[in-house]
Amino acid sequence: MEALGVVVALVALFGVALLVMAVVGTVKAAKAVAAKVERHGANAQRAVENATLKAKSFAKPGEQGRIAALRLSLRTALDSTRQVLQSGLPQDGQLGDALQLLGRLDSHAAELDAELRLLEREPANDRIAAKLPELRERTERITHSADSLRWAAQDRMRRFADDELSRLSQECQDEAGALRHWTPAEPAADRGAASADPSSAPGTGNQRAAASADDPADRRKGLGTGRQNSAEEILGLAAEPLARLADRLRKPNPAGPNRP
């Protein structure tokens, strides 16, 4: 019985834990959906307001159109700078400081936009003409500060991209040079030794053997060579005995022709 009670208690505890986890997950999901809807709703509302201000700046002449143009330029500068900083923040953490400064600018811009909205509804034209130069000067200061942050962030991201591209180009050139240094099938040292030794050239040994075999035959032929051989060389007689024999034949015999 005690074991059964322990098992039932564990099952009940496990069920309660699952129920708590399900409730917590449902609450978190509902909060995420609500935040997403609110964010999209705020973006949609801001887009509608921007379109309305753009239409007023073109449609309404006079001071009302100028006020709408100031509000539109203020919103456009802040929104553009926020988008640039938020897009570059994952790659560059230093842009977080710029986002903090932009948040402070955003608070001043919200106050200025509220004043411009009130001035837009002001029926007295003389008051609008008196307040408008001051509000225009404040608008230009805020928009210039926001533009400076955006331009600096863009230059920084472009510089990082150029540096990365330069390093990548150098690595590609090094790899291309390494790919061109392939190992030849026959070492260059062996080819140089083979070309330096004439005896190892094809056909050299056969030509020498043929020349050595042809020399004795040419000597025996005699007539086939460039120099013609004499009769003594053909008969194999020495030049000096043959000359002595010719001298003896030319001398007269004093004892007569019949004497030896």
C-alpha atoms as a PDB file:
ATOM      1  CA  MET A   1       0.000   0.000   0.000  1.00  0.00           C
ATOM      2  CA  GLU A   2       2.812   2.381   0.816  1.00  0.00           C
ATOM      3  CA  ALA A   3       4.478   1.693  -2.533  1.00  0.00           C
ATOM      4  CA  LEU A   4       1.211   2.296  -4.347  1.00  0.00           C
ATOM      5  CA  GLY A   5       0.770   5.598  -2.531  1.00  0.00           C
ATOM      6  CA  VAL A   6       4.295   6.670  -3.521  1.00  0.00           C
ATOM      7  CA  VAL A   7       3.612   5.817  -7.158  1.00  0.00           C
ATOM      8  CA  VAL A   8       0.342   7.760  -7.130  1.00  0.00           C
ATOM      9  CA  ALA A   9       2.080  10.748  -5.545  1.00  0.00           C
ATOM     10  CA  LEU A  10       4.824  10.711  -8.189  1.00  0.00           C
ATOM     11  CA  VAL A  11       2.287  10.501 -10.999  1.00  0.00           C
ATOM     12  CA  ALA A  12       0.306  13.395  -9.519  1.00  0.00           C
ATOM     13  CA  LEU A  13       3.479  15.452  -9.129  1.00  0.00           C
ATOM     14  CA  PHE A  14       4.475  14.711 -12.699  1.00  0.00           C
ATOM     15  CA  GLY A  15       1.044  15.755 -13.935  1.00  0.00           C
ATOM     16  CA  VAL A  16       1.169  19.004 -11.972  1.00  0.00           C
ATOM     17  CA  ALA A  17       4.630  19.757 -13.419  1.00  0.00           C
ATOM     18  CA  LEU A  18       3.358  19.168 -16.951  1.00  0.00           C
ATOM     19  CA  LEU A  19       0.355  21.400 -16.286  1.00  0.00           C
ATOM     20  CA  VAL A  20       2.604  24.197 -14.949  1.00  0.00           C
ATOM     21  CA  MET A  21       4.923  23.923 -17.955  1.00  0.00           C
ATOM     22  CA  ALA A  22       1.968  24.048 -20.329  1.00  0.00           C
ATOM     23  CA  VAL A  23       0.575  27.144 -18.620  1.00  0.00           C
ATOM     24  CA  VAL A  24       3.979  28.882 -18.652  1.00  0.00           C
ATOM     25  CA  GLY A  25       4.505  28.039 -22.336  1.00  0.00           C
ATOM     26  CA  THR A  26       1.052  29.288 -23.233  1.00  0.00           C
ATOM     27  CA  VAL A  27       1.613  32.567 -21.405  1.00  0.00           C
ATOM     28  CA  LYS A  28       4.986  33.113 -23.101  1.00  0.00           C
ATOM     29  CA  ALA A  29       3.559  32.325 -26.518  1.00  0.00           C
ATOM     30  CA  ALA A  30       0.658  34.712 -25.918  1.00  0.00           C
ATOM     31  CA  LYS A  31       3.052  37.464 -24.865  1.00  0.00           C
ATOM     32  CA  ALA A  32       5.230  36.889 -27.935  1.00  0.00           C
ATOM     33  CA  VAL A  33       2.239  36.992 -30.240  1.00  0.00           C
ATOM     34  CA  ALA A  34       0.928  40.124 -28.545  1.00  0.00           C
ATOM     35  CA  ALA A  35       4.324  41.833 -28.832  1.00  0.00           C
ATOM     36  CA  LYS A  36       4.588  40.865 -32.477  1.00  0.00           C
ATOM     37  CA  VAL A  37       1.107  42.118 -33.218  1.00  0.00           C
ATOM     38  CA  GLU A  38       1.777  45.323 -31.326  1.00  0.00           C
ATOM     39  CA  ARG A  39       5.035  45.849 -33.169  1.00  0.00           C
ATOM     40  CA  HIS A  40       3.464  45.241 -36.534  1.00  0.00           C
ATOM     41  CA  GLY A  41       0.516  47.408 -35.531  1.00  0.00           C
ATOM     42  CA  ALA A  42       2.818  50.230 -34.505  1.00  0.00           C
ATOM     43  CA  ASN A  43       4.762  49.894 -37.740  1.00  0.00           C
ATOM     44  CA  ALA A  44       1.580  49.920 -39.761  1.00  0.00           C
ATOM     45  CA  GLN A  45       0.262  52.934 -37.875  1.00  0.00           C
ATOM     46  CA  ARG A  46       3.554  54.773 -38.357  1.00  0.00           C
ATOM     47  CA  ALA A  47       3.525  53.962 -42.069  1.00  0.00           C
ATOM     48  CA  VAL A  48       0.007  55.346 -42.355  1.00  0.00           C
ATOM     49  CA  GLU A  49       1.011  58.493 -40.488  1.00  0.00           C
ATOM     50  CA  ASN A  50       4.033  58.984 -42.733  1.00  0.00           C
ATOM     51  CA  ALA A  51       1.890  58.608 -45.831  1.00  0.00           C
ATOM     52  CA  THR A  52      -0.585  61.114 -44.426  1.00  0.00           C
ATOM     53  CA  LEU A  53       2.168  63.622 -43.639  1.00  0.00           C
ATOM     54  CA  LYS A  54       3.610  63.217 -47.120  1.00  0.00           C
ATOM     55  CA  ALA A  55       0.231  63.889 -48.637  1.00  0.00           C
ATOM     56  CA  LYS A  56      -0.275  66.969 -46.444  1.00  0.00           C
ATOM     57  CA  SER A  57       3.150  68.363 -47.344  1.00  0.00           C
ATOM     58  CA  PHE A  58       2.187  68.310 -51.015  1.00  0.00           C
ATOM     59  CA  ALA A  59      -1.525  69.044 -50.772  1.00  0.00           C
ATOM     60  CA  LYS A  60      -1.697  71.776 -48.141  1.00  0.00           C
ATOM     61  CA  PRO A  61      -0.017  75.080 -48.994  1.00  0.00           C
ATOM     62  CA  GLY A  62       1.375  77.566 -46.529  1.00  0.00           C
ATOM     63  CA  GLU A  63       2.362  76.906 -42.932  1.00  0.00           C
ATOM     64  CA  GLN A  64       0.389  73.673 -42.598  1.00  0.00           C
ATOM     65  CA  GLY A  65       2.319  72.088 -45.440  1.00  0.00           C
ATOM     66  CA  ARG A  66       5.658  73.234 -43.960  1.00  0.00           C
ATOM     67  CA  ILE A  67       4.788  71.727 -40.569  1.00  0.00           C
ATOM     68  CA  ALA A  68       3.858  68.408 -42.195  1.00  0.00           C
ATOM     69  CA  ALA A  69       7.165  68.446 -44.138  1.00  0.00           C
ATOM     70  CA  LEU A  70       9.116  69.035 -40.900  1.00  0.00           C
ATOM     71  CA  ARG A  71       7.389  66.138 -39.139  1.00  0.00           C
ATOM     72  CA  LEU A  72       7.992  63.859 -42.127  1.00  0.00           C
ATOM     73  CA  SER A  73      11.703  64.738 -42.374  1.00  0.00           C
ATOM     74  CA  LEU A  74      12.116  64.149 -38.639  1.00  0.00           C
ATOM     75  CA  ARG A  75      10.511  60.703 -38.769  1.00  0.00           C
ATOM     76  CA  THR A  76      12.349  59.696 -41.945  1.00  0.00           C
ATOM     77  CA  ALA A  77      15.783  60.576 -40.546  1.00  0.00           C
ATOM     78  CA  LEU A  78      15.229  58.690 -37.283  1.00  0.00           C
ATOM     79  CA  ASP A  79      13.680  55.613 -38.901  1.00  0.00           C
ATOM     80  CA  SER A  80      16.420  55.330 -41.536  1.00  0.00           C
ATOM     81  CA  THR A  81      19.187  55.659 -38.940  1.00  0.00           C
ATOM     82  CA  ARG A  82      17.534  53.076 -36.678  1.00  0.00           C
ATOM     83  CA  GLN A  83      17.272  50.555 -39.497  1.00  0.00           C
ATOM     84  CA  VAL A  84      20.939  50.968 -40.446  1.00  0.00           C
ATOM     85  CA  LEU A  85      22.196  50.638 -36.878  1.00  0.00           C
ATOM     86  CA  GLN A  86      20.015  47.640 -36.048  1.00  0.00           C
ATOM     87  CA  SER A  87      21.021  45.820 -39.237  1.00  0.00           C
ATOM     88  CA  GLY A  88      24.740  46.304 -38.509  1.00  0.00           C
ATOM     89  CA  LEU A  89      24.605  45.581 -34.772  1.00  0.00           C
ATOM     90  CA  PRO A  90      25.006  41.752 -35.048  1.00  0.00           C
ATOM     91  CA  GLN A  91      28.288  42.185 -36.957  1.00  0.00           C
ATOM     92  CA  ASP A  92      29.602  45.216 -35.061  1.00  0.00           C
ATOM     93  CA  GLY A  93      28.843  45.543 -31.356  1.00  0.00           C
ATOM     94  CA  GLN A  94      30.177  49.084 -31.219  1.00  0.00           C
ATOM     95  CA  LEU A  95      27.013  50.264 -32.961  1.00  0.00           C
ATOM     96  CA  GLY A  96      25.185  49.689 -29.679  1.00  0.00           C
ATOM     97  CA  ASP A  97      26.527  53.001 -28.372  1.00  0.00           C
ATOM     98  CA  ALA A  98      25.170  54.718 -31.471  1.00  0.00           C
ATOM     99  CA  LEU A  99      21.791  53.078 -30.854  1.00  0.00           C
ATOM    100  CA  GLN A 100      21.749  54.477 -27.316  1.00  0.00           C
ATOM    101  CA  LEU A 101      22.460  57.959 -28.637  1.00  0.00           C
ATOM    102  CA  LEU A 102      19.722  57.479 -31.207  1.00  0.00           C
ATOM    103  CA  GLY A 103      17.317  56.555 -28.405  1.00  0.00           C
ATOM    104  CA  ARG A 104      18.069  59.844 -26.688  1.00  0.00           C
ATOM    105  CA  LEU A 105      17.554  61.663 -29.974  1.00  0.00           C
ATOM    106  CA  ASP A 106      14.296  59.795 -30.395  1.00  0.00           C
ATOM    107  CA  SER A 107      12.975  61.138 -27.110  1.00  0.00           C
ATOM    108  CA  HIS A 108      13.759  64.717 -28.190  1.00  0.00           C
ATOM    109  CA  ALA A 109      12.202  63.993 -31.569  1.00  0.00           C
ATOM    110  CA  ALA A 110       9.024  62.706 -29.900  1.00  0.00           C
ATOM    111  CA  GLU A 111       8.703  65.943 -27.910  1.00  0.00           C
ATOM    112  CA  LEU A 112       9.312  68.024 -31.030  1.00  0.00           C
ATOM    113  CA  ASP A 113       6.793  66.001 -33.014  1.00  0.00           C
ATOM    114  CA  ALA A 114       4.181  66.591 -30.316  1.00  0.00           C
ATOM    115  CA  GLU A 115       4.823  70.341 -30.477  1.00  0.00           C
ATOM    116  CA  LEU A 116       4.580  70.304 -34.248  1.00  0.00           C
ATOM    117  CA  ARG A 117       1.318  68.372 -34.062  1.00  0.00           C
ATOM    118  CA  LEU A 118      -0.131  70.960 -31.677  1.00  0.00           C
ATOM    119  CA  LEU A 119       1.128  73.788 -33.884  1.00  0.00           C
ATOM    120  CA  GLU A 120      -0.488  72.099 -36.878  1.00  0.00           C
ATOM    121  CA  ARG A 121      -3.855  72.430 -35.151  1.00  0.00           C
ATOM    122  CA  GLU A 122      -3.264  76.033 -34.098  1.00  0.00           C
ATOM    123  CA  PRO A 123      -5.846  78.346 -35.701  1.00  0.00           C
ATOM    124  CA  ALA A 124      -3.819  81.546 -35.155  1.00  0.00           C
ATOM    125  CA  ASN A 125      -1.521  82.049 -38.098  1.00  0.00           C
ATOM    126  CA  ASP A 126       0.595  84.680 -36.349  1.00  0.00           C
ATOM    127  CA  ARG A 127       1.485  82.225 -33.563  1.00  0.00           C
ATOM    128  CA  ILE A 128       2.364  79.575 -36.159  1.00  0.00           C
ATOM    129  CA  ALA A 129       4.637  82.053 -37.944  1.00  0.00           C
ATOM    130  CA  ALA A 130       6.325  82.964 -34.643  1.00  0.00           C
ATOM    131  CA  LYS A 131       6.927  79.395 -33.465  1.00  0.00           C
ATOM    132  CA  LEU A 132       7.797  77.770 -36.770  1.00  0.00           C
ATOM    133  CA  PRO A 133      11.412  79.083 -37.167  1.00  0.00           C
ATOM    134  CA  GLU A 134      12.400  77.752 -33.741  1.00  0.00           C
ATOM    135  CA  LEU A 135      10.813  74.367 -34.382  1.00  0.00           C
ATOM    136  CA  ARG A 136      12.456  74.191 -37.817  1.00  0.00           C
ATOM    137  CA  GLU A 137      15.885  74.861 -36.249  1.00  0.00           C
ATOM    138  CA  ARG A 138      15.359  72.111 -33.661  1.00  0.00           C
ATOM    139  CA  THR A 139      14.209  69.735 -36.384  1.00  0.00           C
ATOM    140  CA  GLU A 140      17.317  70.422 -38.453  1.00  0.00           C
ATOM    141  CA  ARG A 141      19.578  69.790 -35.456  1.00  0.00           C
ATOM    142  CA  ILE A 142      17.954  66.439 -34.656  1.00  0.00           C
ATOM    143  CA  THR A 143      17.872  65.295 -38.268  1.00  0.00           C
ATOM    144  CA  HIS A 144      21.509  66.317 -38.776  1.00  0.00           C
ATOM    145  CA  SER A 145      22.573  64.364 -35.696  1.00  0.00           C
ATOM    146  CA  ALA A 146      20.639  61.298 -36.873  1.00  0.00           C
ATOM    147  CA  ASP A 147      22.072  61.608 -40.376  1.00  0.00           C
ATOM    148  CA  SER A 148      25.600  61.872 -38.949  1.00  0.00           C
ATOM    149  CA  LEU A 149      25.133  58.616 -37.036  1.00  0.00           C
ATOM    150  CA  ARG A 150      23.727  56.874 -40.089  1.00  0.00           C
ATOM    151  CA  TRP A 151      26.463  58.086 -42.423  1.00  0.00           C
ATOM    152  CA  ALA A 152      29.200  57.138 -39.957  1.00  0.00           C
ATOM    153  CA  ALA A 153      27.705  53.644 -39.537  1.00  0.00           C
ATOM    154  CA  GLN A 154      27.463  53.203 -43.302  1.00  0.00           C
ATOM    155  CA  ASP A 155      31.084  54.308 -43.798  1.00  0.00           C
ATOM    156  CA  ARG A 156      32.201  51.945 -41.042  1.00  0.00           C
ATOM    157  CA  MET A 157      30.380  48.964 -42.536  1.00  0.00           C
ATOM    158  CA  ARG A 158      31.691  49.788 -46.012  1.00  0.00           C
ATOM    159  CA  ARG A 159      35.250  50.028 -44.676  1.00  0.00           C
ATOM    160  CA  PHE A 160      34.949  46.661 -42.969  1.00  0.00           C
ATOM    161  CA  ALA A 161      33.509  45.182 -46.169  1.00  0.00           C
ATOM    162  CA  ASP A 162      36.413  46.602 -48.226  1.00  0.00           C
ATOM    163  CA  ASP A 163      38.993  45.215 -45.778  1.00  0.00           C
ATOM    164  CA  GLU A 164      37.339  41.811 -45.816  1.00  0.00           C
ATOM    165  CA  LEU A 165      37.199  41.860 -49.613  1.00  0.00           C
ATOM    166  CA  SER A 166      40.906  42.774 -49.813  1.00  0.00           C
ATOM    167  CA  ARG A 167      41.853  39.894 -47.515  1.00  0.00           C
ATOM    168  CA  LEU A 168      39.643  37.516 -49.456  1.00  0.00           C
ATOM    169  CA  SER A 169      41.154  38.621 -52.780  1.00  0.00           C
ATOM    170  CA  GLN A 170      44.686  38.072 -51.438  1.00  0.00           C
ATOM    171  CA  GLU A 171      43.766  34.613 -50.155  1.00  0.00           C
ATOM    172  CA  CYS A 172      42.262  33.735 -53.538  1.00  0.00           C
ATOM    173  CA  GLN A 173      45.450  34.859 -55.322  1.00  0.00           C
ATOM    174  CA  ASP A 174      47.625  32.814 -52.956  1.00  0.00           C
ATOM    175  CA  GLU A 175      45.463  29.754 -53.469  1.00  0.00           C
ATOM    176  CA  ALA A 176      45.537  30.218 -57.253  1.00  0.00           C
ATOM    177  CA  GLY A 177      49.349  30.427 -57.149  1.00  0.00           C
ATOM    178  CA  ALA A 178      49.515  27.281 -55.030  1.00  0.00           C
ATOM    179  CA  LEU A 179      47.275  25.394 -57.459  1.00  0.00           C
ATOM    180  CA  ARG A 180      49.622  26.204 -60.364  1.00  0.00           C
ATOM    181  CA  HIS A 181      52.680  24.583 -58.663  1.00  0.00           C
ATOM    182  CA  TRP A 182      51.978  20.958 -59.551  1.00  0.00           C
ATOM    183  CA  THR A 183      54.636  18.149 -59.322  1.00  0.00           C
ATOM    184  CA  PRO A 184      55.968  17.046 -62.783  1.00  0.00           C
ATOM    185  CA  ALA A 185      55.857  13.385 -63.763  1.00  0.00           C
ATOM    186  CA  GLU A 186      59.678  13.227 -64.330  1.00  0.00           C
ATOM    187  CA  PRO A 187      62.092  15.177 -62.104  1.00  0.00           C
ATOM    188  CA  ALA A 188      63.932  18.003 -63.836  1.00  0.00           C
ATOM    189  CA  ALA A 189      67.323  16.771 -62.546  1.00  0.00           C
ATOM    190  CA  ASP A 190      66.916  13.420 -64.328  1.00  0.00           C
ATOM    191  CA  ARG A 191      65.932  15.114 -67.576  1.00  0.00           C
ATOM    192  CA  GLY A 192      68.975  17.419 -67.362  1.00  0.00           C
ATOM    193  CA  ALA A 193      71.368  14.501 -66.815  1.00  0.00           C
ATOM    194  CA  ALA A 194      69.864  12.588 -69.721  1.00  0.00           C
ATOM    195  CA  SER A 195      70.232  15.550 -72.062  1.00  0.00           C
ATOM    196  CA  ALA A 196      73.826  16.252 -70.904  1.00  0.00           C
ATOM    197  CA  ASP A 197      75.014  12.664 -71.623  1.00  0.00           C
ATOM    198  CA  PRO A 198      75.216  12.222 -75.431  1.00  0.00           C
ATOM    199  CA  SER A 199      75.775   8.489 -75.156  1.00  0.00           C
ATOM    200  CA  SER A 200      72.330   8.039 -73.681  1.00  0.00           C
ATOM    201  CA  ALA A 201      70.648   9.745 -76.644  1.00  0.00           C
ATOM    202  CA  PRO A 202      68.564   7.408 -78.813  1.00  0.00           C
ATOM    203  CA  GLY A 203      70.324   6.144 -81.936  1.00  0.00           C
ATOM    204  CA  THR A 204      73.837   7.273 -80.884  1.00  0.00           C
ATOM    205  CA  GLY A 205      75.136   3.767 -80.085  1.00  0.00           C
ATOM    206  CA  ASN A 206      73.688   2.319 -83.268  1.00  0.00           C
ATOM    207  CA  GLN A 207      75.258   5.060 -85.378  1.00  0.00           C
ATOM    208  CA  ARG A 208      78.682   4.463 -83.796  1.00  0.00           C
ATOM    209  CA  ALA A 209      78.405   0.705 -84.335  1.00  0.00           C
ATOM    210  CA  ALA A 210      77.446   1.237 -87.980  1.00  0.00           C
ATOM    211  CA  ALA A 211      80.389   3.614 -88.502  1.00  0.00           C
ATOM    212  CA  SER A 212      82.885   1.168 -86.970  1.00  0.00           C
ATOM    213  CA  ALA A 213      81.500  -1.619 -89.093  1.00  0.00           C
ATOM    214  CA  ASP A 214      81.769   0.408 -92.307  1.00  0.00           C
ATOM    215  CA  ASP A 215      85.417   1.566 -91.796  1.00  0.00           C
ATOM    216  CA  PRO A 216      87.222  -1.741 -92.611  1.00  0.00           C
ATOM    217  CA  ALA A 217      85.060  -2.310 -95.653  1.00  0.00           C
ATOM    218  CA  ASP A 218      85.863   1.133 -96.967  1.00  0.00           C
ATOM    219  CA  ARG A 219      89.509   0.462 -96.435  1.00  0.00           C
ATOM    220  CA  ARG A 220      89.301  -2.793 -98.358  1.00  0.00           C
ATOM    221  CA  LYS A 221      87.369  -1.235-101.198  1.00  0.00           C
ATOM    222  CA  GLY A 222      89.834   1.571-101.732  1.00  0.00           C
ATOM    223  CA  LEU A 223      88.189   2.743-104.944  1.00  0.00           C
ATOM    224  CA  GLY A 224      84.969   3.637-103.230  1.00  0.00           C
ATOM    225  CA  THR A 225      86.549   6.257-101.014  1.00  0.00           C
ATOM    226  CA  GLY A 226      87.277   9.857-101.803  1.00  0.00           C
ATOM    227  CA  ARG A 227      91.059   9.202-102.322  1.00  0.00           C
ATOM    228  CA  GLN A 228      92.129   6.762-105.114  1.00  0.00           C
ATOM    229  CA  ASN A 229      94.683   4.120-104.013  1.00  0.00           C
ATOM    230  CA  SER A 230      97.880   3.410-106.001  1.00  0.00           C
ATOM    231  CA  ALA A 231      98.930   0.085-107.517  1.00  0.00           C
ATOM    232  CA  GLU A 232     101.482  -0.547-104.782  1.00  0.00           C
ATOM    233  CA  GLU A 233      98.773  -0.116-102.121  1.00  0.00           C
ATOM    234  CA  ILE A 234      96.402  -2.418-104.024  1.00  0.00           C
ATOM    235  CA  LEU A 235      99.136  -5.179-104.477  1.00  0.00           C
ATOM    236  CA  GLY A 236     100.274  -4.745-100.955  1.00  0.00           C
ATOM    237  CA  LEU A 237     103.874  -3.945-101.891  1.00  0.00           C
ATOM    238  CA  ALA A 238     105.981  -1.602 -99.926  1.00  0.00           C
ATOM    239  CA  ALA A 239     107.040   1.596-101.640  1.00  0.00           C
ATOM    240  CA  GLU A 240     110.815   1.296-100.918  1.00  0.00           C
ATOM    241  CA  PRO A 241     111.535  -2.262-102.353  1.00  0.00           C
ATOM    242  CA  LEU A 242     109.583  -1.417-105.445  1.00  0.00           C
ATOM    243  CA  ALA A 243     111.737   1.659-106.062  1.00  0.00           C
ATOM    244  CA  ARG A 244     114.979  -0.367-105.764  1.00  0.00           C
ATOM    245  CA  LEU A 245     113.694  -2.900-108.267  1.00  0.00           C
ATOM    246  CA  ALA A 246     112.926  -0.173-110.742  1.00  0.00           C
ATOM    247  CA  ASP A 247     116.471   1.274-110.404  1.00  0.00           C
ATOM    248  CA  ARG A 248     118.065  -2.096-111.084  1.00  0.00           C
ATOM    249  CA  LEU A 249     116.038  -2.530-114.240  1.00  0.00           C
ATOM    250  CA  ARG A 250     117.076   0.874-115.531  1.00  0.00           C
ATOM    251  CA  LYS A 251     120.933   0.217-115.107  1.00  0.00           C
ATOM    252  CA  PRO A 252     122.830  -1.353-118.184  1.00  0.00           C
ATOM    253  CA  ASN A 253     124.636  -4.707-117.818  1.00  0.00           C
ATOM    254  CA  PRO A 254     128.431  -4.310-118.605  1.00  0.00           C
ATOM    255  CA  ALA A 255     128.971  -7.992-119.319  1.00  0.00           C
ATOM    256  CA  GLY A 256     126.407  -8.081-122.080  1.00  0.00           C
ATOM    257  CA  PRO A 257     122.860  -9.037-122.402  1.00  0.00           C
ATOM    258  CA  ASN A 258     123.490 -12.775-122.022  1.00  0.00           C
ATOM    259  CA  ARG A 259     125.373 -12.479-118.752  1.00  0.00           C
ATOM    260  CA  PRO A 260     123.599 -12.461-115.618  1.00  0.00           C
END
